[in-house]
Amino acid sequence: MEWKDEYRVGIRDIDEQHLAIVECIAGIKQAVTEYDRQSADAGIVRLADLAQAHFTVEESLMRIHDYPRLE
């Protein structure tokens, strides 16, 4: 997976988180391609941590801004 400018949402922190997630996915792909299980496993753990933190931030922003379809 490669970062594209079209992924930007215009909120700096969210865009930085999205970029980190894309870079992590690319690292996992590379580790799998190189048969580097240790790096792939570490990447998957990192991706799960990044995703959890990211969705927590997004949900908080939706609550703050009364996003109508939050639930």
C-alpha atoms as a PDB file:
ATOM      1  CA  MET A   1       0.000   0.000   0.000  1.00  0.00           C
ATOM      2  CA  GLU A   2       1.286   3.407  -0.920  1.00  0.00           C
ATOM      3  CA  TRP A   3       0.284   6.795   0.493  1.00  0.00           C
ATOM      4  CA  LYS A   4      -1.645   9.024  -1.900  1.00  0.00           C
ATOM      5  CA  ASP A   5      -2.537  12.667  -1.361  1.00  0.00           C
ATOM      6  CA  GLU A   6      -6.172  11.793  -2.043  1.00  0.00           C
ATOM      7  CA  TYR A   7      -6.197  10.045   1.361  1.00  0.00           C
ATOM      8  CA  ARG A   8      -5.793  13.407   3.112  1.00  0.00           C
ATOM      9  CA  VAL A   9      -8.810  14.597   5.057  1.00  0.00           C
ATOM     10  CA  GLY A  10      -7.363  18.004   5.937  1.00  0.00           C
ATOM     11  CA  ILE A  11      -6.939  17.403   9.671  1.00  0.00           C
ATOM     12  CA  ARG A  12      -3.191  17.278  10.344  1.00  0.00           C
ATOM     13  CA  ASP A  13      -3.266  14.762  13.204  1.00  0.00           C
ATOM     14  CA  ILE A  14      -5.634  12.424  11.359  1.00  0.00           C
ATOM     15  CA  ASP A  15      -3.605  12.679   8.158  1.00  0.00           C
ATOM     16  CA  GLU A  16      -0.420  11.852  10.094  1.00  0.00           C
ATOM     17  CA  GLN A  17      -2.119   8.846  11.668  1.00  0.00           C
ATOM     18  CA  HIS A  18      -3.379   7.653   8.292  1.00  0.00           C
ATOM     19  CA  LEU A  19       0.145   8.002   6.872  1.00  0.00           C
ATOM     20  CA  ALA A  20       1.599   5.979   9.771  1.00  0.00           C
ATOM     21  CA  ILE A  21      -0.988   3.242   9.172  1.00  0.00           C
ATOM     22  CA  VAL A  22      -0.199   3.108   5.441  1.00  0.00           C
ATOM     23  CA  GLU A  23       3.540   2.979   6.154  1.00  0.00           C
ATOM     24  CA  CYS A  24       2.982   0.187   8.670  1.00  0.00           C
ATOM     25  CA  ILE A  25       0.984  -1.823   6.137  1.00  0.00           C
ATOM     26  CA  ALA A  26       3.771  -1.343   3.589  1.00  0.00           C
ATOM     27  CA  GLY A  27       6.296  -2.588   6.148  1.00  0.00           C
ATOM     28  CA  ILE A  28       4.216  -5.679   6.851  1.00  0.00           C
ATOM     29  CA  LYS A  29       3.950  -6.379   3.134  1.00  0.00           C
ATOM     30  CA  GLN A  30       7.716  -6.061   2.747  1.00  0.00           C
ATOM     31  CA  ALA A  31       8.356  -8.342   5.733  1.00  0.00           C
ATOM     32  CA  VAL A  32       6.001 -10.971   4.324  1.00  0.00           C
ATOM     33  CA  THR A  33       7.639 -10.720   0.904  1.00  0.00           C
ATOM     34  CA  GLU A  34      11.041 -11.254   2.549  1.00  0.00           C
ATOM     35  CA  TYR A  35       9.733 -14.150   4.671  1.00  0.00           C
ATOM     36  CA  ASP A  36      10.677 -12.169   7.803  1.00  0.00           C
ATOM     37  CA  ARG A  37       8.104 -13.494  10.228  1.00  0.00           C
ATOM     38  CA  GLN A  38       9.478 -11.624  13.247  1.00  0.00           C
ATOM     39  CA  SER A  39       9.170  -8.249  11.488  1.00  0.00           C
ATOM     40  CA  ALA A  40       5.768  -9.157  10.055  1.00  0.00           C
ATOM     41  CA  ASP A  41       4.481 -10.146  13.495  1.00  0.00           C
ATOM     42  CA  ALA A  42       5.854  -6.959  15.040  1.00  0.00           C
ATOM     43  CA  GLY A  43       4.272  -4.937  12.239  1.00  0.00           C
ATOM     44  CA  ILE A  44       0.882  -6.533  12.826  1.00  0.00           C
ATOM     45  CA  VAL A  45       1.055  -5.719  16.533  1.00  0.00           C
ATOM     46  CA  ARG A  46       2.043  -2.134  15.690  1.00  0.00           C
ATOM     47  CA  LEU A  47      -0.795  -1.877  13.152  1.00  0.00           C
ATOM     48  CA  ALA A  48      -3.314  -3.035  15.743  1.00  0.00           C
ATOM     49  CA  ASP A  49      -2.018  -0.429  18.213  1.00  0.00           C
ATOM     50  CA  LEU A  50      -2.093   2.326  15.591  1.00  0.00           C
ATOM     51  CA  ALA A  51      -5.616   1.400  14.502  1.00  0.00           C
ATOM     52  CA  GLN A  52      -6.933   1.314  18.053  1.00  0.00           C
ATOM     53  CA  ALA A  53      -5.444   4.716  18.871  1.00  0.00           C
ATOM     54  CA  HIS A  54      -6.607   6.172  15.554  1.00  0.00           C
ATOM     55  CA  PHE A  55     -10.210   5.029  15.906  1.00  0.00           C
ATOM     56  CA  THR A  56     -10.306   6.331  19.478  1.00  0.00           C
ATOM     57  CA  VAL A  57      -9.244   9.774  18.221  1.00  0.00           C
ATOM     58  CA  GLU A  58     -11.717   9.698  15.328  1.00  0.00           C
ATOM     59  CA  GLU A  59     -14.583   8.672  17.590  1.00  0.00           C
ATOM     60  CA  SER A  60     -13.702  11.442  20.045  1.00  0.00           C
ATOM     61  CA  LEU A  61     -13.728  13.998  17.235  1.00  0.00           C
ATOM     62  CA  MET A  62     -17.111  12.710  16.066  1.00  0.00           C
ATOM     63  CA  ARG A  63     -18.502  13.087  19.598  1.00  0.00           C
ATOM     64  CA  ILE A  64     -17.070  16.601  19.969  1.00  0.00           C
ATOM     65  CA  HIS A  65     -18.623  17.673  16.662  1.00  0.00           C
ATOM     66  CA  ASP A  66     -21.928  15.854  17.210  1.00  0.00           C
ATOM     67  CA  TYR A  67     -21.521  13.652  14.161  1.00  0.00           C
ATOM     68  CA  PRO A  68     -25.087  12.476  13.454  1.00  0.00           C
ATOM     69  CA  ARG A  69     -24.214   8.903  12.384  1.00  0.00           C
ATOM     70  CA  LEU A  70     -21.721   8.138  15.168  1.00  0.00           C
ATOM     71  CA  GLU A  71     -23.595   5.167  16.555  1.00  0.00           C
END
